[in-house]
Amino acid sequence: MESCTYLLPPSSTTTFSIHHLLHHLLPRPPPPSPSPSPSPPPPPSITFSITFSLVHHHHHLLHHLLHHLYHPSPSTL
């Protein structure tokens, strides 16, 4: 066997990274209840857009925070 067979495509790595990030950002889903839920689950497209906006928002906040931490404003110098 060649070692290249163990490498994952970039798309799989990116998907895993996003999933790993979402796992820590989003709250954990409640345990499954024995009775069926009254409301149907949201479509995957809506869920994806919500999670994507959350990731983008958190990324923006993190970037903003790091920018102020590592690049102090002239008034603090």
PDB file of N, CA and C in Angstrom:
ATOM      1  N   MET A   1       0.847  -1.208   0.000  1.00  0.00           N
ATOM      2  CA  MET A   1       0.000   0.000   0.000  1.00  0.00           C
ATOM      3  C   MET A   1       0.877   1.250   0.000  1.00  0.00           C
ATOM      4  N   GLU A   2       0.416   2.247  -0.695  1.00  0.00           N
ATOM      5  CA  GLU A   2       1.151   3.503  -0.697  1.00  0.00           C
ATOM      6  C   GLU A   2       0.602   4.437   0.389  1.00  0.00           C
ATOM      7  N   SER A   3       1.464   5.293   0.864  1.00  0.00           N
ATOM      8  CA  SER A   3       1.063   6.175   1.954  1.00  0.00           C
ATOM      9  C   SER A   3       0.020   7.198   1.518  1.00  0.00           C
ATOM     10  N   CYS A   4      -0.007   7.493   0.221  1.00  0.00           N
ATOM     11  CA  CYS A   4      -0.939   8.513  -0.257  1.00  0.00           C
ATOM     12  C   CYS A   4      -2.398   8.054  -0.113  1.00  0.00           C
ATOM     13  N   THR A   5      -2.628   6.755   0.047  1.00  0.00           N
ATOM     14  CA  THR A   5      -3.995   6.265   0.184  1.00  0.00           C
ATOM     15  C   THR A   5      -4.594   6.698   1.524  1.00  0.00           C
ATOM     16  N   TYR A   6      -3.759   7.096   2.473  1.00  0.00           N
ATOM     17  CA  TYR A   6      -4.257   7.500   3.787  1.00  0.00           C
ATOM     18  C   TYR A   6      -4.566   8.998   3.859  1.00  0.00           C
ATOM     19  N   LEU A   7      -4.175   9.741   2.819  1.00  0.00           N
ATOM     20  CA  LEU A   7      -4.410  11.188   2.838  1.00  0.00           C
ATOM     21  C   LEU A   7      -5.865  11.491   2.492  1.00  0.00           C
ATOM     22  N   LEU A   8      -6.393  12.485   3.184  1.00  0.00           N
ATOM     23  CA  LEU A   8      -7.761  12.902   2.908  1.00  0.00           C
ATOM     24  C   LEU A   8      -7.759  14.049   1.916  1.00  0.00           C
ATOM     25  N   PRO A   9      -8.785  14.135   1.087  1.00  0.00           N
ATOM     26  CA  PRO A   9      -8.881  15.277   0.160  1.00  0.00           C
ATOM     27  C   PRO A   9      -9.050  16.579   0.953  1.00  0.00           C
ATOM     28  N   PRO A  10      -8.656  17.690   0.384  1.00  0.00           N
ATOM     29  CA  PRO A  10      -8.818  18.970   1.088  1.00  0.00           C
ATOM     30  C   PRO A  10     -10.254  19.236   1.514  1.00  0.00           C
ATOM     31  N   SER A  11     -11.204  18.816   0.698  1.00  0.00           N
ATOM     32  CA  SER A  11     -12.607  19.065   1.037  1.00  0.00           C
ATOM     33  C   SER A  11     -12.996  18.345   2.325  1.00  0.00           C
ATOM     34  N   SER A  12     -12.516  17.118   2.495  1.00  0.00           N
ATOM     35  CA  SER A  12     -12.836  16.369   3.707  1.00  0.00           C
ATOM     36  C   SER A  12     -12.185  17.027   4.919  1.00  0.00           C
ATOM     37  N   THR A  13     -10.973  17.497   4.763  1.00  0.00           N
ATOM     38  CA  THR A  13     -10.295  18.156   5.873  1.00  0.00           C
ATOM     39  C   THR A  13     -11.014  19.441   6.257  1.00  0.00           C
ATOM     40  N   THR A  14     -11.438  20.199   5.270  1.00  0.00           N
ATOM     41  CA  THR A  14     -12.153  21.448   5.550  1.00  0.00           C
ATOM     42  C   THR A  14     -13.485  21.163   6.228  1.00  0.00           C
ATOM     43  N   THR A  15     -14.182  20.158   5.743  1.00  0.00           N
ATOM     44  CA  THR A  15     -15.466  19.809   6.345  1.00  0.00           C
ATOM     45  C   THR A  15     -15.269  19.367   7.785  1.00  0.00           C
ATOM     46  N   PHE A  16     -14.223  18.596   8.033  1.00  0.00           N
ATOM     47  CA  PHE A  16     -13.965  18.145   9.400  1.00  0.00           C
ATOM     48  C   PHE A  16     -13.621  19.329  10.295  1.00  0.00           C
ATOM     49  N   SER A  17     -12.844  20.274   9.796  1.00  0.00           N
ATOM     50  CA  SER A  17     -12.470  21.441  10.595  1.00  0.00           C
ATOM     51  C   SER A  17     -13.699  22.274  10.945  1.00  0.00           C
ATOM     52  N   ILE A  18     -14.555  22.483   9.961  1.00  0.00           N
ATOM     53  CA  ILE A  18     -15.783  23.252  10.210  1.00  0.00           C
ATOM     54  C   ILE A  18     -16.670  22.510  11.205  1.00  0.00           C
ATOM     55  N   HIS A  19     -16.795  21.212  11.031  1.00  0.00           N
ATOM     56  CA  HIS A  19     -17.613  20.425  11.948  1.00  0.00           C
ATOM     57  C   HIS A  19     -17.028  20.470  13.348  1.00  0.00           C
ATOM     58  N   HIS A  20     -15.710  20.391  13.448  1.00  0.00           N
ATOM     59  CA  HIS A  20     -15.053  20.434  14.750  1.00  0.00           C
ATOM     60  C   HIS A  20     -15.259  21.795  15.405  1.00  0.00           C
ATOM     61  N   LEU A  21     -15.206  22.844  14.596  1.00  0.00           N
ATOM     62  CA  LEU A  21     -15.421  24.184  15.128  1.00  0.00           C
ATOM     63  C   LEU A  21     -16.861  24.375  15.581  1.00  0.00           C
ATOM     64  N   LEU A  22     -17.786  23.909  14.782  1.00  0.00           N
ATOM     65  CA  LEU A  22     -19.199  24.034  15.141  1.00  0.00           C
ATOM     66  C   LEU A  22     -19.513  23.239  16.393  1.00  0.00           C
ATOM     67  N   HIS A  23     -18.828  22.129  16.565  1.00  0.00           N
ATOM     68  CA  HIS A  23     -19.083  21.286  17.739  1.00  0.00           C
ATOM     69  C   HIS A  23     -18.766  22.042  19.022  1.00  0.00           C
ATOM     70  N   HIS A  24     -17.790  22.946  18.964  1.00  0.00           N
ATOM     71  CA  HIS A  24     -17.420  23.700  20.158  1.00  0.00           C
ATOM     72  C   HIS A  24     -18.184  25.015  20.273  1.00  0.00           C
ATOM     73  N   LEU A  25     -18.624  25.556  19.159  1.00  0.00           N
ATOM     74  CA  LEU A  25     -19.327  26.839  19.195  1.00  0.00           C
ATOM     75  C   LEU A  25     -20.804  26.672  19.531  1.00  0.00           C
ATOM     76  N   LEU A  26     -21.431  25.708  18.886  1.00  0.00           N
ATOM     77  CA  LEU A  26     -22.872  25.549  19.061  1.00  0.00           C
ATOM     78  C   LEU A  26     -23.177  24.738  20.309  1.00  0.00           C
ATOM     79  N   PRO A  27     -24.301  25.015  20.958  1.00  0.00           N
ATOM     80  CA  PRO A  27     -24.705  24.210  22.112  1.00  0.00           C
ATOM     81  C   PRO A  27     -25.034  22.782  21.700  1.00  0.00           C
ATOM     82  N   ARG A  28     -24.837  21.878  22.605  1.00  0.00           N
ATOM     83  CA  ARG A  28     -25.106  20.473  22.292  1.00  0.00           C
ATOM     84  C   ARG A  28     -26.612  20.241  22.161  1.00  0.00           C
ATOM     85  N   PRO A  29     -27.013  19.398  21.232  1.00  0.00           N
ATOM     86  CA  PRO A  29     -28.450  19.122  21.063  1.00  0.00           C
ATOM     87  C   PRO A  29     -28.990  18.370  22.274  1.00  0.00           C
ATOM     88  N   PRO A  30     -30.256  18.558  22.595  1.00  0.00           N
ATOM     89  CA  PRO A  30     -30.847  17.857  23.730  1.00  0.00           C
ATOM     90  C   PRO A  30     -30.927  16.357  23.461  1.00  0.00           C
ATOM     91  N   PRO A  31     -30.969  15.545  24.497  1.00  0.00           N
ATOM     92  CA  PRO A  31     -31.072  14.095  24.292  1.00  0.00           C
ATOM     93  C   PRO A  31     -32.376  13.742  23.586  1.00  0.00           C
ATOM     94  N   PRO A  32     -32.365  12.729  22.744  1.00  0.00           N
ATOM     95  CA  PRO A  32     -33.585  12.358  22.007  1.00  0.00           C
ATOM     96  C   PRO A  32     -34.687  11.888  22.955  1.00  0.00           C
ATOM     97  N   SER A  33     -35.850  12.426  22.756  1.00  0.00           N
ATOM     98  CA  SER A  33     -36.977  12.044  23.608  1.00  0.00           C
ATOM     99  C   SER A  33     -37.743  10.881  22.962  1.00  0.00           C
ATOM    100  N   PRO A  34     -38.345  10.007  23.764  1.00  0.00           N
ATOM    101  CA  PRO A  34     -39.081   8.865  23.199  1.00  0.00           C
ATOM    102  C   PRO A  34     -40.291   9.291  22.374  1.00  0.00           C
ATOM    103  N   SER A  35     -40.909  10.423  22.757  1.00  0.00           N
ATOM    104  CA  SER A  35     -42.081  10.884  22.002  1.00  0.00           C
ATOM    105  C   SER A  35     -41.639  11.734  20.815  1.00  0.00           C
ATOM    106  N   PRO A  36     -42.343  11.654  19.691  1.00  0.00           N
ATOM    107  CA  PRO A  36     -41.971  12.449  18.514  1.00  0.00           C
ATOM    108  C   PRO A  36     -42.154  13.936  18.788  1.00  0.00           C
ATOM    109  N   SER A  37     -41.276  14.733  18.267  1.00  0.00           N
ATOM    110  CA  SER A  37     -41.363  16.183  18.490  1.00  0.00           C
ATOM    111  C   SER A  37     -42.546  16.757  17.696  1.00  0.00           C
ATOM    112  N   PRO A  38     -43.249  17.731  18.256  1.00  0.00           N
ATOM    113  CA  PRO A  38     -44.404  18.306  17.550  1.00  0.00           C
ATOM    114  C   PRO A  38     -44.011  19.065  16.298  1.00  0.00           C
ATOM    115  N   SER A  39     -42.838  19.704  16.334  1.00  0.00           N
ATOM    116  CA  SER A  39     -42.415  20.474  15.163  1.00  0.00           C
ATOM    117  C   SER A  39     -41.375  19.692  14.371  1.00  0.00           C
ATOM    118  N   PRO A  40     -41.450  19.701  13.057  1.00  0.00           N
ATOM    119  CA  PRO A  40     -40.455  18.994  12.247  1.00  0.00           C
ATOM    120  C   PRO A  40     -39.110  19.703  12.303  1.00  0.00           C
ATOM    121  N   PRO A  41     -38.011  19.005  12.119  1.00  0.00           N
ATOM    122  CA  PRO A  41     -36.699  19.650  12.131  1.00  0.00           C
ATOM    123  C   PRO A  41     -36.547  20.606  10.960  1.00  0.00           C
ATOM    124  N   PRO A  42     -35.754  21.655  11.109  1.00  0.00           N
ATOM    125  CA  PRO A  42     -35.583  22.614  10.013  1.00  0.00           C
ATOM    126  C   PRO A  42     -34.858  21.975   8.844  1.00  0.00           C
ATOM    127  N   PRO A  43     -35.072  22.480   7.650  1.00  0.00           N
ATOM    128  CA  PRO A  43     -34.388  21.936   6.479  1.00  0.00           C
ATOM    129  C   PRO A  43     -32.875  22.111   6.618  1.00  0.00           C
ATOM    130  N   PRO A  44     -32.083  21.225   6.036  1.00  0.00           N
ATOM    131  CA  PRO A  44     -30.624  21.340   6.148  1.00  0.00           C
ATOM    132  C   PRO A  44     -30.093  22.661   5.610  1.00  0.00           C
ATOM    133  N   SER A  45     -30.741  23.198   4.585  1.00  0.00           N
ATOM    134  CA  SER A  45     -30.244  24.453   4.000  1.00  0.00           C
ATOM    135  C   SER A  45     -30.346  25.593   5.005  1.00  0.00           C
ATOM    136  N   ILE A  46     -31.449  25.661   5.750  1.00  0.00           N
ATOM    137  CA  ILE A  46     -31.617  26.716   6.750  1.00  0.00           C
ATOM    138  C   ILE A  46     -30.610  26.506   7.888  1.00  0.00           C
ATOM    139  N   THR A  47     -30.455  25.271   8.305  1.00  0.00           N
ATOM    140  CA  THR A  47     -29.507  24.982   9.380  1.00  0.00           C
ATOM    141  C   THR A  47     -28.099  25.358   8.960  1.00  0.00           C
ATOM    142  N   PHE A  48     -27.746  25.066   7.723  1.00  0.00           N
ATOM    143  CA  PHE A  48     -26.404  25.380   7.248  1.00  0.00           C
ATOM    144  C   PHE A  48     -26.174  26.886   7.209  1.00  0.00           C
ATOM    145  N   SER A  49     -27.161  27.638   6.725  1.00  0.00           N
ATOM    146  CA  SER A  49     -26.992  29.090   6.649  1.00  0.00           C
ATOM    147  C   SER A  49     -26.870  29.695   8.040  1.00  0.00           C
ATOM    148  N   ILE A  50     -27.615  29.156   9.010  1.00  0.00           N
ATOM    149  CA  ILE A  50     -27.536  29.673  10.381  1.00  0.00           C
ATOM    150  C   ILE A  50     -26.157  29.370  10.972  1.00  0.00           C
ATOM    151  N   THR A  51     -25.708  28.143  10.822  1.00  0.00           N
ATOM    152  CA  THR A  51     -24.412  27.780  11.390  1.00  0.00           C
ATOM    153  C   THR A  51     -23.287  28.517  10.681  1.00  0.00           C
ATOM    154  N   PHE A  52     -23.418  28.707   9.390  1.00  0.00           N
ATOM    155  CA  PHE A  52     -22.388  29.419   8.646  1.00  0.00           C
ATOM    156  C   PHE A  52     -22.299  30.873   9.111  1.00  0.00           C
ATOM    157  N   SER A  53     -23.445  31.503   9.324  1.00  0.00           N
ATOM    158  CA  SER A  53     -23.430  32.888   9.804  1.00  0.00           C
ATOM    159  C   SER A  53     -22.843  32.967  11.209  1.00  0.00           C
ATOM    160  N   LEU A  54     -23.124  31.950  12.041  1.00  0.00           N
ATOM    161  CA  LEU A  54     -22.550  31.921  13.378  1.00  0.00           C
ATOM    162  C   LEU A  54     -21.033  31.817  13.317  1.00  0.00           C
ATOM    163  N   VAL A  55     -20.541  30.929  12.486  1.00  0.00           N
ATOM    164  CA  VAL A  55     -19.092  30.761  12.358  1.00  0.00           C
ATOM    165  C   VAL A  55     -18.461  32.044  11.843  1.00  0.00           C
ATOM    166  N   HIS A  56     -19.097  32.658  10.866  1.00  0.00           N
ATOM    167  CA  HIS A  56     -18.557  33.897  10.308  1.00  0.00           C
ATOM    168  C   HIS A  56     -18.548  34.998  11.365  1.00  0.00           C
ATOM    169  N   HIS A  57     -19.605  35.055  12.162  1.00  0.00           N
ATOM    170  CA  HIS A  57     -19.697  36.088  13.195  1.00  0.00           C
ATOM    171  C   HIS A  57     -18.628  35.860  14.267  1.00  0.00           C
ATOM    172  N   HIS A  58     -18.466  34.630  14.705  1.00  0.00           N
ATOM    173  CA  HIS A  58     -17.447  34.327  15.711  1.00  0.00           C
ATOM    174  C   HIS A  58     -16.053  34.596  15.163  1.00  0.00           C
ATOM    175  N   HIS A  59     -15.860  34.284  13.909  1.00  0.00           N
ATOM    176  CA  HIS A  59     -14.550  34.524  13.300  1.00  0.00           C
ATOM    177  C   HIS A  59     -14.268  36.022  13.261  1.00  0.00           C
ATOM    178  N   HIS A  60     -15.292  36.804  12.953  1.00  0.00           N
ATOM    179  CA  HIS A  60     -15.110  38.253  12.902  1.00  0.00           C
ATOM    180  C   HIS A  60     -14.792  38.799  14.296  1.00  0.00           C
ATOM    181  N   LEU A  61     -15.488  38.320  15.306  1.00  0.00           N
ATOM    182  CA  LEU A  61     -15.230  38.779  16.671  1.00  0.00           C
ATOM    183  C   LEU A  61     -13.827  38.387  17.119  1.00  0.00           C
ATOM    184  N   LEU A  62     -13.431  37.176  16.793  1.00  0.00           N
ATOM    185  CA  LEU A  62     -12.099  36.723  17.177  1.00  0.00           C
ATOM    186  C   LEU A  62     -11.034  37.553  16.474  1.00  0.00           C
ATOM    187  N   HIS A  63     -11.235  37.818  15.199  1.00  0.00           N
ATOM    188  CA  HIS A  63     -10.278  38.624  14.453  1.00  0.00           C
ATOM    189  C   HIS A  63     -10.213  40.044  15.029  1.00  0.00           C
ATOM    190  N   HIS A  64     -11.360  40.580  15.394  1.00  0.00           N
ATOM    191  CA  HIS A  64     -11.409  41.922  15.964  1.00  0.00           C
ATOM    192  C   HIS A  64     -10.675  41.960  17.304  1.00  0.00           C
ATOM    193  N   LEU A  65     -10.880  40.932  18.103  1.00  0.00           N
ATOM    194  CA  LEU A  65     -10.234  40.865  19.407  1.00  0.00           C
ATOM    195  C   LEU A  65      -8.722  40.726  19.261  1.00  0.00           C
ATOM    196  N   LEU A  66      -8.300  39.826  18.396  1.00  0.00           N
ATOM    197  CA  LEU A  66      -6.864  39.630  18.199  1.00  0.00           C
ATOM    198  C   LEU A  66      -6.217  40.886  17.624  1.00  0.00           C
ATOM    199  N   HIS A  67      -6.950  41.578  16.788  1.00  0.00           N
ATOM    200  CA  HIS A  67      -6.405  42.792  16.185  1.00  0.00           C
ATOM    201  C   HIS A  67      -6.116  43.835  17.272  1.00  0.00           C
ATOM    202  N   HIS A  68      -7.003  43.944  18.243  1.00  0.00           N
ATOM    203  CA  HIS A  68      -6.796  44.914  19.318  1.00  0.00           C
ATOM    204  C   HIS A  68      -5.742  44.444  20.310  1.00  0.00           C
ATOM    205  N   LEU A  69      -5.614  43.141  20.456  1.00  0.00           N
ATOM    206  CA  LEU A  69      -4.613  42.623  21.388  1.00  0.00           C
ATOM    207  C   LEU A  69      -3.202  42.801  20.842  1.00  0.00           C
ATOM    208  N   TYR A  70      -3.033  42.538  19.563  1.00  0.00           N
ATOM    209  CA  TYR A  70      -1.694  42.562  18.986  1.00  0.00           C
ATOM    210  C   TYR A  70      -1.366  43.872  18.283  1.00  0.00           C
ATOM    211  N   HIS A  71      -2.392  44.710  18.062  1.00  0.00           N
ATOM    212  CA  HIS A  71      -2.159  46.002  17.412  1.00  0.00           C
ATOM    213  C   HIS A  71      -2.837  47.085  18.248  1.00  0.00           C
ATOM    214  N   PRO A  72      -2.213  47.512  19.330  1.00  0.00           N
ATOM    215  CA  PRO A  72      -2.845  48.528  20.186  1.00  0.00           C
ATOM    216  C   PRO A  72      -3.033  49.842  19.437  1.00  0.00           C
ATOM    217  N   SER A  73      -4.031  50.554  19.822  1.00  0.00           N
ATOM    218  CA  SER A  73      -4.301  51.842  19.165  1.00  0.00           C
ATOM    219  C   SER A  73      -3.222  52.853  19.547  1.00  0.00           C
ATOM    220  N   PRO A  74      -3.020  53.877  18.744  1.00  0.00           N
ATOM    221  CA  PRO A  74      -1.964  54.880  19.039  1.00  0.00           C
ATOM    222  C   PRO A  74      -2.174  55.577  20.372  1.00  0.00           C
ATOM    223  N   SER A  75      -3.391  55.663  20.848  1.00  0.00           N
ATOM    224  CA  SER A  75      -3.652  56.372  22.103  1.00  0.00           C
ATOM    225  C   SER A  75      -3.053  55.633  23.305  1.00  0.00           C
ATOM    226  N   THR A  76      -2.865  54.307  23.179  1.00  0.00           N
ATOM    227  CA  THR A  76      -2.323  53.543  24.310  1.00  0.00           C
ATOM    228  C   THR A  76      -0.805  53.509  24.284  1.00  0.00           C
ATOM    229  N   LEU A  77      -0.202  54.025  23.214  1.00  0.00           N
ATOM    230  CA  LEU A  77       1.257  53.994  23.126  1.00  0.00           C
ATOM    231  C   LEU A  77       1.862  55.175  23.882  1.00  0.00           C
TER     232      LEU A  77
END
